[in-house]
Amino acid sequence: MSSAEGVVLVIGCGMRPYREYLLASAGHRHPLWLFNGDEPTWQDRYITGATVLDLQDRDAVLAAARALNATTPVFGVVSWDEALIVTAAHVADELGVPGAGISAIEGCRDKWLSRRTLTAAGVAQPDFGFVHDEEQAVRVAERIGYPVVVKPRGGGASIGVSLAEDGEAVRKAFRTAEEASFGGSPAYQGGALVEEYLTGPEISVDGAVVDGEYTPMFLAHKTVGMHPYFEELGHLVSSSDELLADPVLRSTLARAHGAIDFRYGVTHTELKLTERGPVIVEINGRLGGDLIPLLARFATGIDPGAAAVDVALGMRPHIPHEAEDRWVGVRFGYPKQDCVVESVSVPEPLLGNGILASGGLVEPGARMRLPPAEFISRHAYVICAGRDPDDCEVVLDKAMAQVRLTAYPLLPSVATGG
């Protein structure tokens, strides 16, 4: 199909190591036009054309979308960038193409709104309160009961999220969450959510919604660490995961999406498997990050970039029902301390070693700081396959043992007198 027959508009493309595979598969599915903050480089091979503009200026994005549609029909809108999904919803609404709906995307992006909406609909989720200062945070935590989770209202990727087990920890967690909130959209700056800490394994489910009907596509088991923070260290995906067919889980997901009136799009929903059943942690109005959709492609045969385009065009995505029975996982490398990177090397995928993909995530000279100074401070990743979850973890351990980070400590700056 030529661009004269119409394009799917992609708003923002994300960092190359994390999102190139999505842009590639989306471009194979349908001609793409990219709105980006910088001139395209590596993206050129996957797109029909591009417009460079300030993606944080919603009015400018809407004007550019109208101008594009006047010359090249826009049939759908896609974004997998958390900071841009609300703007993408406005563009879809403006152009009259399939979309989640502005209120539905706000119901994902604004976690306080999401909590209130899901509570009103009777969907299982943690007890919560939104607070504006440290003392209010302590009062809400004492009402809920320790430990509690404190998080920004509109964050993503567990940035600024931490566990607090007493009043002093709550005060510190509030400061961390509120500071993180100022790094994102002005609409969600200030204050923090204080929530019940849910015990049990954490999973995520990426699903497709077409005309309000939710269909789960793939499920990932999450590993977190760096207590009291929730850095996402790795994920596991399988085509044979029995949880994906669990009727209670599927009902919870469908009811949650119905509660926010999500119409068309793909979502990444995080849940805890608790004693009272699956409980919604949050709904994200985009495909999952952390290379989870790439794991799904390796494990299930689903092409997530193509699925996102299909749904943006108002069509149901192709979900293969037969795939190789194996587990695929990703593990991320973190430095042991704040540092300046000199070099990173990773093991290569070779026949028989179980490694499917690997790569460095930083360049020499990069300054890396661990939470709470910075989040997602990763220097490398490995993706591996195994016969079952335990076997996959063993292969991941062996692969990570071959990752080499050469760095020197990043010392705290010392103020000097003038």
Protein backbone atom coordinates (compact mmCIF):
# COMPACT_ATOMS: atom_id res chain seq x y z
CA MET A 1 0.00 0.00 0.00
CA SER A 2 1.31 3.48 -0.84
CA SER A 3 1.12 6.49 1.44
CA ALA A 4 -1.39 8.00 -1.01
CA GLU A 5 -3.80 5.33 0.22
CA GLY A 6 -3.38 6.46 3.78
CA VAL A 7 -1.03 6.12 6.75
CA VAL A 8 -1.08 5.20 10.39
CA LEU A 9 0.29 8.08 12.46
CA VAL A 10 2.86 7.11 15.11
CA ILE A 11 3.33 9.78 17.78
CA GLY A 12 6.79 9.38 19.30
CA CYS A 13 8.83 6.24 18.79
CA GLY A 14 10.85 5.85 21.99
CA MET A 15 14.43 4.74 22.51
CA ARG A 16 15.87 2.52 19.81
CA PRO A 17 16.90 -0.46 22.00
CA TYR A 18 13.43 -0.65 23.55
CA ARG A 19 11.13 0.22 20.64
CA GLU A 20 12.77 -0.33 17.24
CA TYR A 21 11.26 -3.80 16.85
CA LEU A 22 7.77 -2.32 17.30
CA LEU A 23 8.29 0.37 14.68
CA ALA A 24 9.70 -2.24 12.30
CA SER A 25 6.74 -4.60 12.60
CA ALA A 26 4.21 -1.76 12.54
CA GLY A 27 5.80 -0.43 9.34
CA HIS A 28 5.63 -3.86 7.77
CA ARG A 29 1.91 -3.98 8.56
CA HIS A 30 0.92 -0.56 7.16
CA PRO A 31 2.61 2.64 5.89
CA LEU A 32 3.56 4.86 8.84
CA TRP A 33 3.97 8.59 9.30
CA LEU A 34 6.06 9.54 12.33
CA PHE A 35 5.65 12.60 14.53
CA ASN A 36 8.95 12.96 16.34
CA GLY A 37 10.87 15.49 18.40
CA ASP A 38 14.04 15.04 16.32
CA GLU A 39 14.89 14.38 12.70
CA PRO A 40 14.49 10.64 12.02
CA THR A 41 17.70 8.60 11.69
CA TRP A 42 17.34 4.88 12.29
CA GLN A 43 13.55 5.26 11.96
CA ASP A 44 13.75 6.19 8.26
CA ARG A 45 13.74 2.62 6.99
CA TYR A 46 10.38 1.89 8.64
CA ILE A 47 8.36 5.01 7.80
CA THR A 48 6.82 6.72 4.78
CA GLY A 49 7.42 10.22 6.11
CA ALA A 50 7.89 12.28 9.23
CA THR A 51 7.08 15.61 10.85
CA VAL A 52 9.49 17.08 13.39
CA LEU A 53 7.81 19.13 16.11
CA ASP A 54 7.54 19.64 19.86
CA LEU A 55 5.56 16.60 20.98
CA GLN A 56 4.83 18.22 24.35
CA ASP A 57 2.87 21.00 22.59
CA ARG A 58 -0.51 19.33 22.12
CA ASP A 59 -1.94 22.17 20.05
CA ALA A 60 1.03 21.93 17.67
CA VAL A 61 0.58 18.17 17.38
CA LEU A 62 -3.13 18.55 16.65
CA ALA A 63 -2.45 21.21 14.01
CA ALA A 64 0.21 19.02 12.37
CA ALA A 65 -2.16 16.04 12.37
CA ARG A 66 -4.87 18.07 10.68
CA ALA A 67 -2.39 19.31 8.07
CA LEU A 68 -1.13 15.78 7.39
CA ASN A 69 -4.65 14.40 7.08
CA ALA A 70 -5.50 17.08 4.52
CA THR A 71 -2.86 15.72 2.13
CA THR A 72 -2.32 12.11 3.24
CA PRO A 73 -5.33 10.43 4.86
CA VAL A 74 -4.65 9.24 8.42
CA PHE A 75 -6.49 5.98 9.09
CA GLY A 76 -5.23 5.34 12.62
CA VAL A 77 -3.12 6.75 15.45
CA VAL A 78 -0.61 4.80 17.58
CA SER A 79 1.65 5.73 20.48
CA TRP A 80 3.56 3.48 22.85
CA ASP A 81 5.13 6.40 24.74
CA GLU A 82 3.48 6.82 28.16
CA ALA A 83 3.97 10.60 28.09
CA LEU A 84 2.22 10.93 24.72
CA ILE A 85 -0.79 8.62 24.91
CA VAL A 86 -3.17 11.37 26.02
CA THR A 87 -2.10 13.55 23.10
CA ALA A 88 -2.53 10.55 20.78
CA ALA A 89 -6.08 10.11 22.10
CA HIS A 90 -6.84 13.77 21.34
CA VAL A 91 -5.48 13.34 17.81
CA ALA A 92 -7.58 10.21 17.17
CA ASP A 93 -10.66 12.05 18.45
CA GLU A 94 -9.89 15.10 16.30
CA LEU A 95 -9.44 13.02 13.14
CA GLY A 96 -12.39 10.73 13.80
CA VAL A 97 -10.38 7.49 13.67
CA PRO A 98 -10.65 4.55 16.10
CA GLY A 99 -9.28 5.34 19.55
CA ALA A 100 -9.62 4.51 23.22
CA GLY A 101 -11.42 7.77 23.94
CA ILE A 102 -9.88 10.73 25.76
CA SER A 103 -11.58 9.94 29.08
CA ALA A 104 -10.47 6.30 28.87
CA ILE A 105 -6.84 7.24 28.32
CA GLU A 106 -7.06 9.73 31.18
CA GLY A 107 -8.44 6.81 33.19
CA CYS A 108 -5.17 4.99 32.49
CA ARG A 109 -2.73 7.87 32.73
CA ASP A 110 -4.16 9.48 35.88
CA LYS A 111 -3.80 6.80 38.52
CA TRP A 112 -5.89 8.70 41.04
CA LEU A 113 -8.77 8.94 38.56
CA SER A 114 -8.28 5.27 37.71
CA ARG A 115 -8.53 4.23 41.36
CA ARG A 116 -11.75 6.21 41.88
CA THR A 117 -13.32 4.90 38.66
CA LEU A 118 -12.46 1.26 39.34
CA THR A 119 -13.66 1.57 42.96
CA ALA A 120 -17.02 2.90 41.78
CA ALA A 121 -17.31 -0.07 39.40
CA GLY A 122 -16.46 -2.60 42.12
CA VAL A 123 -13.26 -3.79 40.42
CA ALA A 124 -10.73 -5.33 42.82
CA GLN A 125 -7.81 -2.99 43.58
CA PRO A 126 -5.79 -1.83 46.60
CA ASP A 127 -7.10 0.56 49.24
CA PHE A 128 -5.72 4.04 48.51
CA GLY A 129 -5.67 7.76 49.20
CA PHE A 130 -4.31 10.77 47.34
CA VAL A 131 -2.30 13.14 49.50
CA HIS A 132 -0.73 16.58 49.16
CA ASP A 133 1.89 16.60 51.94
CA GLU A 134 3.93 14.33 54.20
CA GLU A 135 1.67 14.51 57.24
CA GLN A 136 -1.41 13.68 55.21
CA ALA A 137 0.53 10.77 53.69
CA VAL A 138 1.26 9.40 57.18
CA ARG A 139 -2.40 9.69 58.23
CA VAL A 140 -3.56 7.79 55.14
CA ALA A 141 -0.86 5.13 55.62
CA GLU A 142 -1.96 4.60 59.23
CA ARG A 143 -5.57 4.23 58.11
CA ILE A 144 -4.62 1.66 55.44
CA GLY A 145 -2.06 -0.14 57.59
CA TYR A 146 1.65 -0.67 57.01
CA PRO A 147 3.42 -1.38 54.76
CA VAL A 148 2.13 0.93 52.05
CA VAL A 149 3.21 1.81 48.51
CA VAL A 150 3.72 5.48 47.66
CA LYS A 151 3.72 6.50 44.00
CA PRO A 152 3.33 9.47 41.64
CA ARG A 153 -0.13 10.14 40.26
CA GLY A 154 0.89 9.94 36.61
CA GLY A 155 4.18 8.05 36.45
CA GLY A 156 5.24 4.91 34.64
CA ALA A 157 7.85 2.13 34.79
CA SER A 158 7.78 2.22 38.62
CA ILE A 159 9.64 5.56 38.59
CA GLY A 160 9.32 7.21 41.99
CA VAL A 161 7.47 4.25 43.51
CA SER A 162 8.63 2.91 46.89
CA LEU A 163 7.54 0.79 49.84
CA ALA A 164 7.16 2.38 53.27
CA GLU A 165 6.92 0.45 56.53
CA ASP A 166 6.57 3.30 59.05
CA GLY A 167 5.84 7.00 59.29
CA GLU A 168 9.36 8.22 58.61
CA ALA A 169 9.61 5.96 55.56
CA VAL A 170 6.28 7.33 54.32
CA ARG A 171 7.59 10.89 54.54
CA LYS A 172 10.67 9.94 52.55
CA ALA A 173 8.59 7.98 50.03
CA PHE A 174 6.25 10.95 49.60
CA ARG A 175 9.20 13.23 48.80
CA THR A 176 10.55 10.70 46.28
CA ALA A 177 7.16 10.29 44.57
CA GLU A 178 6.38 13.99 44.44
CA GLU A 179 9.83 14.85 43.09
CA ALA A 180 9.38 12.20 40.37
CA SER A 181 6.00 13.68 39.47
CA PHE A 182 7.65 16.94 38.39
CA GLY A 183 9.60 15.04 35.74
CA GLY A 184 6.42 14.24 33.84
CA SER A 185 3.30 15.93 32.51
CA PRO A 186 2.25 19.15 34.29
CA ALA A 187 -1.26 17.69 34.56
CA TYR A 188 -0.09 15.15 37.15
CA GLN A 189 2.48 17.12 39.11
CA GLY A 190 2.39 17.37 42.89
CA GLY A 191 1.07 15.09 45.58
CA ALA A 192 1.23 11.30 45.66
CA LEU A 193 -0.89 8.18 45.95
CA VAL A 194 -0.61 6.10 49.11
CA GLU A 195 -1.80 2.56 48.55
CA GLU A 196 -2.23 -0.76 50.29
CA TYR A 197 0.72 -3.09 49.68
CA LEU A 198 -0.56 -6.20 47.95
CA THR A 199 1.17 -9.51 48.63
CA GLY A 200 1.52 -12.12 45.91
CA PRO A 201 3.18 -12.57 42.52
CA GLU A 202 2.98 -9.64 40.09
CA ILE A 203 2.03 -10.12 36.47
CA SER A 204 1.20 -7.95 33.48
CA VAL A 205 -1.21 -8.64 30.64
CA ASP A 206 -1.09 -6.92 27.27
CA GLY A 207 -4.48 -6.94 25.62
CA ALA A 208 -6.35 -5.56 22.62
CA VAL A 209 -9.66 -3.71 22.80
CA VAL A 210 -11.83 -3.47 19.68
CA ASP A 211 -15.24 -1.80 19.90
CA GLY A 212 -15.06 -2.11 23.69
CA GLU A 213 -14.37 -5.86 23.68
CA TYR A 214 -11.19 -6.79 25.56
CA THR A 215 -9.00 -9.72 24.44
CA PRO A 216 -5.83 -10.69 26.34
CA MET A 217 -2.85 -11.30 24.05
CA PHE A 218 0.10 -12.25 26.29
CA LEU A 219 1.03 -12.40 29.96
CA ALA A 220 4.35 -11.68 31.69
CA HIS A 221 5.61 -12.60 35.15
CA LYS A 222 7.55 -9.72 36.69
CA THR A 223 10.62 -9.73 38.95
CA VAL A 224 11.25 -6.56 40.97
CA GLY A 225 14.05 -5.57 43.30
CA MET A 226 16.13 -2.81 44.92
CA HIS A 227 13.99 -2.60 48.07
CA PRO A 228 12.30 -0.33 49.04
CA TYR A 229 11.92 0.60 45.36
CA PHE A 230 10.27 -1.47 42.65
CA GLU A 231 12.83 -1.59 39.86
CA GLU A 232 11.71 -4.06 37.21
CA LEU A 233 14.62 -6.48 36.88
CA GLY A 234 13.10 -8.96 34.44
CA HIS A 235 10.04 -10.67 32.96
CA LEU A 236 9.00 -14.14 31.74
CA VAL A 237 6.49 -14.92 28.97
CA SER A 238 5.14 -18.21 27.59
CA SER A 239 2.53 -19.29 25.04
CA SER A 240 1.56 -22.14 27.37
CA ASP A 241 0.91 -20.02 30.46
CA GLU A 242 -2.32 -21.38 31.94
CA LEU A 243 -3.03 -18.11 33.73
CA LEU A 244 -3.96 -16.47 30.45
CA ALA A 245 -7.06 -18.68 30.28
CA ASP A 246 -8.08 -18.14 33.93
CA PRO A 247 -11.72 -17.02 33.89
CA VAL A 248 -11.43 -14.83 37.01
CA LEU A 249 -8.40 -13.02 35.62
CA ARG A 250 -10.06 -12.50 32.25
CA SER A 251 -13.24 -11.23 33.90
CA THR A 252 -11.28 -8.79 36.08
CA LEU A 253 -9.47 -7.42 33.04
CA ALA A 254 -12.64 -7.07 30.99
CA ARG A 255 -14.52 -5.35 33.82
CA ALA A 256 -11.64 -2.92 34.45
CA HIS A 257 -11.53 -1.86 30.81
CA GLY A 258 -15.29 -1.57 30.70
CA ALA A 259 -15.22 0.64 33.80
CA ILE A 260 -13.01 3.23 32.11
CA ASP A 261 -14.97 2.80 28.82
CA PHE A 262 -11.92 1.92 26.75
CA ARG A 263 -13.01 1.60 23.10
CA TYR A 264 -10.09 0.85 20.72
CA GLY A 265 -6.43 0.30 21.52
CA VAL A 266 -3.88 -1.89 23.23
CA THR A 267 -3.21 -1.83 26.97
CA HIS A 268 -0.64 -3.11 29.45
CA THR A 269 -2.37 -3.99 32.72
CA GLU A 270 -0.40 -4.82 35.87
CA LEU A 271 -1.96 -7.03 38.55
CA LYS A 272 -1.10 -8.78 41.79
CA LEU A 273 -2.27 -12.36 42.33
CA THR A 274 -3.47 -12.11 45.94
CA GLU A 275 -5.36 -14.38 48.32
CA ARG A 276 -8.53 -12.55 47.33
CA GLY A 277 -7.84 -13.07 43.64
CA PRO A 278 -6.29 -10.91 40.91
CA VAL A 279 -6.17 -7.23 41.89
CA ILE A 280 -5.55 -4.38 39.44
CA VAL A 281 -2.39 -2.39 40.14
CA GLU A 282 -2.73 -0.14 37.09
CA ILE A 283 -3.89 -0.01 33.47
CA ASN A 284 -1.49 1.55 30.98
CA GLY A 285 -2.97 2.72 27.68
CA ARG A 286 -0.14 1.38 25.50
CA LEU A 287 1.91 -1.73 24.82
CA GLY A 288 4.16 -2.86 27.66
CA GLY A 289 7.71 -1.64 28.01
CA ASP A 290 10.84 -3.50 29.15
CA LEU A 291 10.90 -5.47 25.87
CA ILE A 292 7.88 -7.49 27.04
CA PRO A 293 6.21 -7.37 23.59
CA LEU A 294 9.46 -8.69 22.08
CA LEU A 295 9.41 -11.60 24.53
CA ALA A 296 5.85 -12.28 23.42
CA ARG A 297 6.90 -12.38 19.78
CA PHE A 298 9.62 -14.91 20.58
CA ALA A 299 7.36 -16.97 22.85
CA THR A 300 3.92 -16.79 21.24
CA GLY A 301 4.34 -15.70 17.64
CA ILE A 302 2.21 -12.60 18.22
CA ASP A 303 3.52 -9.56 16.35
CA PRO A 304 2.78 -6.74 18.83
CA GLY A 305 3.63 -3.82 16.50
CA ALA A 306 1.32 -5.20 13.83
CA ALA A 307 -1.36 -5.84 16.47
CA ALA A 308 -1.20 -2.22 17.61
CA VAL A 309 -1.66 -1.05 14.02
CA ASP A 310 -4.57 -3.45 13.41
CA VAL A 311 -6.41 -2.18 16.48
CA ALA A 312 -5.70 1.45 15.52
CA LEU A 313 -7.39 0.67 12.21
CA GLY A 314 -10.40 -0.77 14.05
CA MET A 315 -9.55 -4.40 13.28
CA ARG A 316 -9.04 -7.37 15.56
CA PRO A 317 -5.38 -8.41 15.70
CA HIS A 318 -4.14 -11.83 14.65
CA ILE A 319 -3.39 -13.94 17.73
CA PRO A 320 -1.74 -17.29 16.88
CA HIS A 321 -3.18 -20.24 18.78
CA GLU A 322 -0.24 -22.56 18.26
CA ALA A 323 3.35 -21.72 19.14
CA GLU A 324 6.47 -23.48 20.31
CA ASP A 325 6.07 -24.53 23.94
CA ARG A 326 8.81 -22.59 25.68
CA TRP A 327 9.41 -19.75 28.13
CA VAL A 328 11.23 -16.58 27.13
CA GLY A 329 12.64 -14.09 29.61
CA VAL A 330 14.53 -10.82 29.79
CA ARG A 331 16.98 -9.75 32.47
CA PHE A 332 18.40 -6.25 32.87
CA GLY A 333 21.85 -5.40 34.18
CA TYR A 334 22.22 -2.70 36.84
CA PRO A 335 25.48 -1.30 38.24
CA LYS A 336 26.33 -2.05 41.86
CA GLN A 337 26.85 1.63 42.60
CA ASP A 338 26.57 5.05 40.98
CA CYS A 339 29.17 5.12 38.24
CA VAL A 340 30.51 6.49 34.97
CA VAL A 341 30.48 3.88 32.21
CA GLU A 342 33.68 3.04 30.36
CA SER A 343 32.45 0.01 28.40
CA VAL A 344 29.70 -2.63 28.23
CA SER A 345 29.94 -6.04 26.58
CA VAL A 346 27.25 -8.70 26.28
CA PRO A 347 27.24 -12.37 25.22
CA GLU A 348 26.22 -13.06 21.62
CA PRO A 349 23.28 -15.29 20.69
CA LEU A 350 24.77 -18.60 19.54
CA LEU A 351 23.26 -21.91 18.53
CA GLY A 352 22.64 -23.90 21.69
CA ASN A 353 23.35 -21.22 24.32
CA GLY A 354 19.69 -20.23 24.75
CA ILE A 355 20.34 -16.52 24.17
CA LEU A 356 17.89 -15.01 21.68
CA ALA A 357 19.00 -11.37 21.86
CA SER A 358 21.28 -9.13 23.90
CA GLY A 359 22.52 -5.57 23.88
CA GLY A 360 24.05 -2.65 25.71
CA LEU A 361 21.80 0.19 26.83
CA VAL A 362 24.34 2.94 27.54
CA GLU A 363 27.32 4.50 25.81
CA PRO A 364 30.80 5.13 27.24
CA GLY A 365 30.74 8.21 29.43
CA ALA A 366 27.16 7.70 30.59
CA ARG A 367 26.57 8.60 34.22
CA MET A 368 24.43 6.03 36.00
CA ARG A 369 22.75 6.63 39.35
CA LEU A 370 20.70 4.13 41.32
CA PRO A 371 17.32 4.86 42.98
CA PRO A 372 16.18 7.19 44.35
CA ALA A 373 18.54 9.53 42.47
CA GLU A 374 17.51 7.95 39.17
CA PHE A 375 15.39 5.02 38.04
CA ILE A 376 15.78 2.43 35.25
CA SER A 377 19.59 2.78 35.41
CA ARG A 378 20.31 -0.22 33.20
CA HIS A 379 23.45 -0.91 31.26
CA ALA A 380 22.50 -4.10 29.38
CA TYR A 381 19.89 -6.76 28.73
CA VAL A 382 19.76 -10.41 27.72
CA ILE A 383 16.76 -12.33 26.34
CA CYS A 384 16.84 -16.11 26.74
CA ALA A 385 14.63 -19.15 26.21
CA GLY A 386 14.11 -22.25 28.33
CA ARG A 387 11.89 -25.31 28.59
CA ASP A 388 10.04 -23.99 31.66
CA PRO A 389 10.30 -20.99 34.02
CA ASP A 390 13.08 -22.51 36.14
CA ASP A 391 15.12 -23.55 33.12
CA CYS A 392 14.71 -20.09 31.60
CA GLU A 393 15.94 -18.45 34.82
CA VAL A 394 19.02 -20.68 34.79
CA VAL A 395 19.83 -19.67 31.21
CA LEU A 396 19.29 -16.01 32.11
CA ASP A 397 21.64 -16.36 35.09
CA LYS A 398 24.36 -17.81 32.87
CA ALA A 399 23.89 -15.10 30.26
CA MET A 400 23.95 -12.27 32.80
CA ALA A 401 27.15 -13.69 34.28
CA GLN A 402 28.78 -12.97 30.91
CA VAL A 403 27.74 -9.31 30.82
CA ARG A 404 30.70 -7.06 31.54
CA LEU A 405 30.43 -3.48 32.79
CA THR A 406 33.62 -1.49 33.13
CA ALA A 407 33.09 1.72 35.08
CA TYR A 408 34.50 3.93 37.78
CA PRO A 409 32.60 5.23 40.81
CA LEU A 410 30.61 8.42 40.43
CA LEU A 411 31.52 10.47 43.46
CA PRO A 412 29.07 12.99 44.90
CA SER A 413 29.78 16.56 43.89
CA VAL A 414 31.31 18.78 46.53
CA ALA A 415 30.32 22.42 46.71
CA THR A 416 33.27 24.83 46.77
CA GLY A 417 33.37 28.41 47.96
CA GLY A 418 33.72 31.26 45.49
